[in-house]
């Protein structure tokens, strides 16, 4: 249950970035997809995060994603920019540009590859938070960055007026409870399989991959938890379980989500950018076997699910390379 003003929403989608078959951003599919997830219950959109393939997007594409999301959402959902950078100056620049483009918030990931000390993390996050008036969500995902944000560092960062929340992808429930009890930070689940457990101990909401496909059940789950209706929340959790497994366990979530969205006819191509590649035959078979177990999700009809392994195969090299300053 939210106990203070929440500028982010509760059901946030870590949005995939639809590409054409040759790896360019498919802007009509982007618009259609954003409208779809909002129409089915999302009240927050995170563009150019991990799931949006931030590492292979140019800065111009990231900023255009903010602008397009703001236009399509038309006030129905908050728009956050995601991904950050492992260079503090670049992350500050992106924050300022994203604020100018209309972003409502900034999801800032722990610097990756550099492996800074906790003192380095403090400086990095504080300088980014100082660079704009945007509310900030810290993104703690040591499985990708190699460095966790320690409890002591979180306590210090929680005192910054612009740092309002944390997205958790560590799975340490004792620390979640500790941070919720000892700070005013809002907590967002960053693990699709653990959304209901996180909510049950006081998390504010979720930033998820699977809700690219099924925002509705997450809306139901969050609303039920807000109302103290555990039975309804649990039923939504159980209906999502095989879909979460299909998206999150066999290939990177981005790859699986695009494969499934394309099979449902919601995006024009399942293409990802290298070094990501589409699922191999055996991986695709696992995803499809999990999909066969999905039942009882009103907003999804898998009877017309037509996955295209050939269309998903390999990865694309876009015309303009990588993140640019």
Protein backbone atom coordinates (compact mmCIF):
# COMPACT_ATOMS: atom_id res chain seq x y z
CA UNK A 1 0.00 0.00 0.00
CA UNK A 2 1.40 3.40 -0.98
CA UNK A 3 1.92 5.63 2.05
CA UNK A 4 3.20 8.74 0.24
CA UNK A 5 2.82 10.39 -3.12
CA UNK A 6 3.99 8.08 -5.89
CA UNK A 7 5.16 9.82 -9.09
CA UNK A 8 5.87 6.56 -10.93
CA UNK A 9 2.76 4.38 -10.91
CA UNK A 10 2.52 0.82 -9.59
CA UNK A 11 2.29 -1.43 -12.66
CA UNK A 12 5.33 -0.42 -14.68
CA UNK A 13 6.33 -2.13 -17.93
CA UNK A 14 10.02 -2.55 -18.77
CA UNK A 15 9.15 -1.94 -22.38
CA UNK A 16 10.66 -3.92 -25.24
CA UNK A 17 11.80 -1.79 -28.19
CA UNK A 18 10.23 -3.30 -31.32
CA UNK A 19 12.59 -3.45 -34.29
CA UNK A 20 12.08 -4.11 -37.97
CA UNK A 21 13.60 -7.24 -39.48
CA UNK A 22 16.77 -5.28 -40.31
CA UNK A 23 17.15 -4.00 -36.75
CA UNK A 24 15.83 -0.44 -37.01
CA UNK A 25 13.32 0.86 -34.47
CA UNK A 26 9.80 0.06 -35.69
CA UNK A 27 8.09 3.25 -34.55
CA UNK A 28 4.52 2.25 -35.53
CA UNK A 29 4.95 -0.97 -33.49
CA UNK A 30 6.37 1.06 -30.59
CA UNK A 31 3.27 3.26 -30.56
CA UNK A 32 0.88 0.31 -30.88
CA UNK A 33 2.64 -1.62 -28.12
CA UNK A 34 2.68 1.29 -25.68
CA UNK A 35 -1.03 1.89 -26.22
CA UNK A 36 -1.75 -1.81 -25.71
CA UNK A 37 0.04 -2.18 -22.38
CA UNK A 38 -1.52 1.01 -21.02
CA UNK A 39 -4.99 -0.03 -22.20
CA UNK A 40 -4.58 -3.30 -20.29
CA UNK A 41 -3.59 -1.75 -16.99
CA UNK A 42 -0.04 -0.38 -16.96
CA UNK A 43 0.27 3.03 -15.31
CA UNK A 44 4.01 3.39 -15.91
CA UNK A 45 6.31 2.80 -18.89
CA UNK A 46 10.09 2.40 -18.68
CA UNK A 47 11.66 2.96 -22.08
CA UNK A 48 15.27 2.13 -23.00
CA UNK A 49 15.89 -0.05 -19.97
CA UNK A 50 17.55 -3.47 -20.02
CA UNK A 51 14.48 -5.03 -21.65
CA UNK A 52 14.41 -2.20 -24.16
CA UNK A 53 17.97 -3.13 -25.25
CA UNK A 54 19.48 0.09 -23.94
CA UNK A 55 23.03 -1.11 -24.62
CA UNK A 56 22.44 -1.09 -28.37
CA UNK A 57 20.23 1.98 -28.65
CA UNK A 58 21.67 5.33 -29.66
CA UNK A 59 21.02 8.32 -27.44
CA UNK A 60 18.82 9.81 -30.17
CA UNK A 61 16.67 6.66 -30.16
CA UNK A 62 16.39 6.74 -26.37
CA UNK A 63 15.18 10.33 -26.40
CA UNK A 64 12.73 9.68 -29.22
CA UNK A 65 11.33 6.74 -27.22
CA UNK A 66 10.60 9.14 -24.36
CA UNK A 67 8.88 11.57 -26.70
CA UNK A 68 6.81 8.88 -28.41
CA UNK A 69 5.80 7.30 -25.09
CA UNK A 70 4.72 10.68 -23.74
CA UNK A 71 2.64 11.32 -26.85
CA UNK A 72 0.97 7.90 -26.90
CA UNK A 73 0.35 7.74 -23.16
CA UNK A 74 -1.29 11.20 -23.23
CA UNK A 75 -1.31 11.37 -19.45
CA UNK A 76 -2.60 7.81 -18.93
CA UNK A 77 0.76 6.52 -17.65
CA UNK A 78 4.03 7.90 -16.35
CA UNK A 79 7.05 7.65 -18.67
CA UNK A 80 10.46 6.83 -17.20
CA UNK A 81 13.78 6.68 -18.96
CA UNK A 82 15.88 3.66 -18.08
CA UNK A 83 19.32 2.20 -18.40
CA UNK A 84 21.63 4.93 -17.15
CA UNK A 85 25.28 4.47 -18.04
CA UNK A 86 28.51 3.21 -16.54
CA UNK A 87 29.95 6.66 -17.20
CA UNK A 88 28.62 9.23 -14.73
CA UNK A 89 28.96 12.18 -17.13
CA UNK A 90 27.00 10.32 -19.81
CA UNK A 91 24.28 9.31 -17.36
CA UNK A 92 23.93 12.94 -16.24
CA UNK A 93 23.71 14.11 -19.84
CA UNK A 94 21.05 11.52 -20.66
CA UNK A 95 19.07 12.51 -17.57
CA UNK A 96 19.04 16.16 -18.58
CA UNK A 97 18.11 15.37 -22.17
CA UNK A 98 15.39 12.93 -21.05
CA UNK A 99 13.91 15.53 -18.71
CA UNK A 100 13.78 18.00 -21.60
CA UNK A 101 12.14 15.32 -23.79
CA UNK A 102 9.36 14.95 -21.21
CA UNK A 103 10.34 12.03 -18.98
CA UNK A 104 8.49 11.79 -15.66
CA UNK A 105 11.24 9.86 -13.89
CA UNK A 106 14.65 8.25 -14.19
CA UNK A 107 15.48 4.59 -13.49
CA UNK A 108 19.23 4.59 -12.81
CA UNK A 109 21.08 1.28 -12.94
CA UNK A 110 24.19 0.55 -10.90
CA UNK A 111 27.30 1.19 -13.05
CA UNK A 112 28.26 -2.05 -14.80
CA UNK A 113 31.69 -3.45 -15.70
CA UNK A 114 33.64 -0.71 -13.83
CA UNK A 115 32.84 -2.37 -10.45
CA UNK A 116 33.06 0.85 -8.39
CA UNK A 117 33.29 0.89 -4.60
CA UNK A 118 30.31 1.94 -2.51
CA UNK A 119 31.83 5.43 -2.31
CA UNK A 120 31.84 5.50 -6.10
CA UNK A 121 28.20 4.39 -6.20
CA UNK A 122 27.23 7.14 -3.77
CA UNK A 123 28.88 9.79 -5.91
CA UNK A 124 27.48 8.38 -9.16
CA UNK A 125 23.86 8.23 -7.98
CA UNK A 126 23.98 11.56 -6.17
CA UNK A 127 25.41 13.42 -9.17
CA UNK A 128 22.76 11.97 -11.50
CA UNK A 129 20.01 12.80 -9.00
CA UNK A 130 21.42 16.33 -8.68
CA UNK A 131 21.52 16.87 -12.44
CA UNK A 132 17.73 17.17 -12.91
CA UNK A 133 14.49 17.57 -10.99
CA UNK A 134 13.34 14.11 -12.07
CA UNK A 135 12.39 11.62 -9.34
CA UNK A 136 14.86 8.73 -9.33
CA UNK A 137 14.47 4.97 -8.89
CA UNK A 138 17.73 3.21 -8.04
CA UNK A 139 18.12 -0.08 -9.93
CA UNK A 140 19.95 -2.73 -7.90
CA UNK A 141 20.75 -5.74 -10.10
CA UNK A 142 24.16 -7.20 -9.15
CA UNK A 143 23.63 -10.20 -11.43
CA UNK A 144 24.15 -7.84 -14.39
CA UNK A 145 26.39 -5.17 -12.86
CA UNK A 146 28.66 -7.18 -10.57
CA UNK A 147 28.16 -4.71 -7.70
CA UNK A 148 25.25 -4.65 -5.22
CA UNK A 149 24.10 -1.48 -3.52
CA UNK A 150 24.67 -2.27 0.16
CA UNK A 151 22.08 -1.52 2.82
CA UNK A 152 24.34 1.17 4.28
CA UNK A 153 24.64 2.87 0.89
CA UNK A 154 20.89 2.69 0.35
CA UNK A 155 20.35 4.40 3.72
CA UNK A 156 22.60 7.26 2.67
CA UNK A 157 21.06 7.60 -0.79
CA UNK A 158 17.56 7.57 0.71
CA UNK A 159 18.28 11.00 2.21
CA UNK A 160 18.57 12.59 -1.25
CA UNK A 161 15.36 14.51 -2.03
CA UNK A 162 15.17 13.25 -5.62
CA UNK A 163 15.85 9.57 -4.85
CA UNK A 164 12.43 8.17 -4.03
CA UNK A 165 12.53 4.46 -4.80
CA UNK A 166 14.53 1.34 -5.52
CA UNK A 167 13.96 -1.48 -7.99
CA UNK A 168 15.06 -4.75 -6.49
CA UNK A 169 16.44 -7.63 -8.57
CA UNK A 170 18.49 -9.32 -5.84
CA UNK A 171 15.81 -11.54 -4.34
CA UNK A 172 16.94 -10.75 -0.77
CA UNK A 173 13.60 -10.45 1.00
CA UNK A 174 15.11 -9.73 4.39
CA UNK A 175 16.84 -6.67 2.94
CA UNK A 176 13.63 -5.59 1.21
CA UNK A 177 11.83 -5.60 4.56
CA UNK A 178 14.72 -3.82 6.24
CA UNK A 179 14.81 -1.02 3.67
CA UNK A 180 11.03 -0.61 3.71
CA UNK A 181 11.07 -0.44 7.52
CA UNK A 182 14.05 1.89 7.89
CA UNK A 183 13.61 4.32 4.96
CA UNK A 184 10.87 6.18 3.11
CA UNK A 185 11.92 4.65 -0.21
CA UNK A 186 9.26 3.02 -2.35
CA UNK A 187 10.18 -0.52 -3.40
CA UNK A 188 9.52 -1.96 -6.86
CA UNK A 189 9.83 -5.65 -7.60
CA UNK A 190 12.30 -6.31 -10.40
CA UNK A 191 11.76 -10.07 -10.48
CA UNK A 192 8.62 -11.19 -12.30
CA UNK A 193 8.33 -14.44 -10.35
CA UNK A 194 8.43 -12.61 -7.01
CA UNK A 195 6.03 -9.73 -7.58
CA UNK A 196 3.35 -11.01 -5.20
CA UNK A 197 5.83 -11.92 -2.44
CA UNK A 198 7.38 -8.46 -2.75
CA UNK A 199 3.96 -6.79 -2.63
CA UNK A 200 2.97 -8.87 0.37
CA UNK A 201 5.80 -7.43 2.48
CA UNK A 202 5.16 -3.83 1.49
CA UNK A 203 6.52 -3.22 -2.01
CA UNK A 204 4.87 -0.40 -3.95
CA UNK A 205 4.62 -2.16 -7.30
CA UNK A 206 6.62 -3.78 -10.07
CA UNK A 207 8.78 -2.99 -13.06
CA UNK A 208 8.34 -6.12 -15.14
CA UNK A 209 9.10 -7.86 -18.41
CA UNK A 210 6.16 -10.27 -18.55
CA UNK A 211 3.66 -7.42 -18.39
CA UNK A 212 4.73 -6.49 -21.93
CA UNK A 213 2.47 -9.44 -22.72
CA UNK A 214 0.02 -9.38 -19.81
CA UNK A 215 -0.43 -6.08 -17.99
CA UNK A 216 -3.97 -6.98 -16.95
CA UNK A 217 -3.20 -9.69 -14.36
CA UNK A 218 -0.54 -7.50 -12.75
CA UNK A 219 -3.08 -4.67 -12.51
CA UNK A 220 -5.49 -7.12 -10.88
CA UNK A 221 -2.78 -8.34 -8.50
CA UNK A 222 -1.70 -4.87 -7.40
CA UNK A 223 -5.27 -3.62 -7.00
CA UNK A 224 -6.14 -6.71 -4.97
CA UNK A 225 -3.14 -6.24 -2.65
CA UNK A 226 -4.11 -2.57 -2.22
CA UNK A 227 -7.59 -3.76 -1.20
CA UNK A 228 -6.29 -6.49 1.13
CA UNK A 229 -7.71 -9.24 -1.10
CA UNK A 230 -5.03 -11.94 -0.96
CA UNK A 231 -7.18 -14.58 -2.68
CA UNK A 232 -7.63 -12.50 -5.84
CA UNK A 233 -3.95 -11.49 -5.85
CA UNK A 234 -2.88 -15.12 -5.47
CA UNK A 235 -5.15 -16.25 -8.31
CA UNK A 236 -3.54 -13.65 -10.60
CA UNK A 237 -0.08 -14.80 -9.51
CA UNK A 238 -0.92 -18.42 -10.24
CA UNK A 239 -2.37 -17.67 -13.67
CA UNK A 240 0.84 -15.82 -14.58
CA UNK A 241 3.26 -18.50 -13.38
CA UNK A 242 3.74 -20.46 -16.64
CA UNK A 243 3.90 -17.26 -18.67
CA UNK A 244 6.57 -15.85 -16.36
CA UNK A 245 8.50 -19.09 -16.77
CA UNK A 246 8.19 -18.86 -20.56
CA UNK A 247 9.51 -15.29 -20.58
CA UNK A 248 12.18 -15.38 -17.91
CA UNK A 249 13.87 -18.79 -17.75
CA UNK A 250 15.02 -20.05 -21.16
CA UNK A 251 16.51 -17.04 -22.96
CA UNK A 252 16.97 -13.38 -22.00
CA UNK A 253 13.59 -11.84 -21.17
CA UNK A 254 13.81 -9.40 -24.06
CA UNK A 255 14.25 -12.24 -26.54
CA UNK A 256 11.38 -14.31 -25.18
CA UNK A 257 9.02 -11.36 -24.81
CA UNK A 258 9.55 -10.29 -28.42
CA UNK A 259 9.16 -13.88 -29.63
CA UNK A 260 5.83 -14.19 -27.83
CA UNK A 261 4.56 -10.71 -28.76
CA UNK A 262 5.30 -11.42 -32.42
CA UNK A 263 3.58 -14.79 -32.17
CA UNK A 264 0.51 -12.97 -30.84
CA UNK A 265 0.64 -10.49 -33.72
CA UNK A 266 1.30 -7.49 -31.47
CA UNK A 267 4.65 -6.42 -32.97
CA UNK A 268 5.86 -6.61 -36.54
CA UNK A 269 9.07 -8.55 -35.94
CA UNK A 270 10.71 -10.50 -33.09
CA UNK A 271 14.15 -9.16 -34.08
CA UNK A 272 16.71 -8.24 -31.42
CA UNK A 273 20.03 -6.47 -31.90
CA UNK A 274 23.34 -8.26 -31.60
CA UNK A 275 24.85 -9.57 -29.41
CA UNK A 276 21.35 -10.79 -28.50
CA UNK A 277 19.96 -13.38 -30.89
CA UNK A 278 16.59 -15.06 -31.25
CA UNK A 279 15.90 -18.39 -29.55
CA UNK A 280 17.48 -21.53 -30.95
CA UNK A 281 15.17 -24.38 -31.89
CA UNK A 282 15.33 -26.10 -28.53
CA UNK A 283 14.89 -22.82 -26.64
CA UNK A 284 11.88 -21.89 -28.76
CA UNK A 285 10.39 -25.31 -28.06
CA UNK A 286 10.73 -24.75 -24.31
CA UNK A 287 9.04 -21.34 -24.58
CA UNK A 288 6.18 -22.81 -26.60
CA UNK A 289 5.75 -25.70 -24.16
CA UNK A 290 5.35 -23.23 -21.29
CA UNK A 291 2.85 -21.19 -23.33
CA UNK A 292 0.74 -24.34 -23.73
CA UNK A 293 0.25 -24.30 -19.95
CA UNK A 294 -1.05 -20.72 -19.77
CA UNK A 295 -4.73 -20.63 -18.85
CA UNK A 296 -7.16 -18.21 -17.30
CA UNK A 297 -5.66 -14.90 -18.43
CA UNK A 298 -8.63 -12.99 -19.89
CA UNK A 299 -6.63 -10.48 -21.92
CA UNK A 300 -4.59 -13.08 -23.84
CA UNK A 301 -5.80 -15.61 -26.39
CA UNK A 302 -3.05 -18.09 -27.23
CA UNK A 303 -5.30 -20.12 -29.54
CA UNK A 304 -4.00 -17.92 -32.36
CA UNK A 305 -0.38 -17.96 -31.17
CA UNK A 306 1.80 -18.33 -34.26
CA UNK A 307 5.49 -18.13 -33.30
CA UNK A 308 7.93 -17.71 -36.18
CA UNK A 309 11.31 -19.25 -35.39
CA UNK A 310 12.76 -18.21 -38.73
CA UNK A 311 11.81 -14.57 -38.26
CA UNK A 312 13.35 -14.60 -34.78
CA UNK A 313 16.59 -16.32 -35.77
CA UNK A 314 19.87 -14.46 -35.40
CA UNK A 315 20.35 -10.83 -34.44
CA UNK A 316 20.52 -7.54 -36.29
CA UNK A 317 23.25 -4.97 -36.84
CA UNK A 318 21.59 -1.54 -37.02
CA UNK A 319 22.76 1.17 -39.40
CA UNK A 320 24.02 3.41 -36.58
CA UNK A 321 26.14 1.69 -33.96
CA UNK A 322 25.56 1.65 -30.25
CA UNK A 323 25.24 4.23 -27.55
CA UNK A 324 26.64 7.61 -28.59
CA UNK A 325 27.35 10.71 -26.53
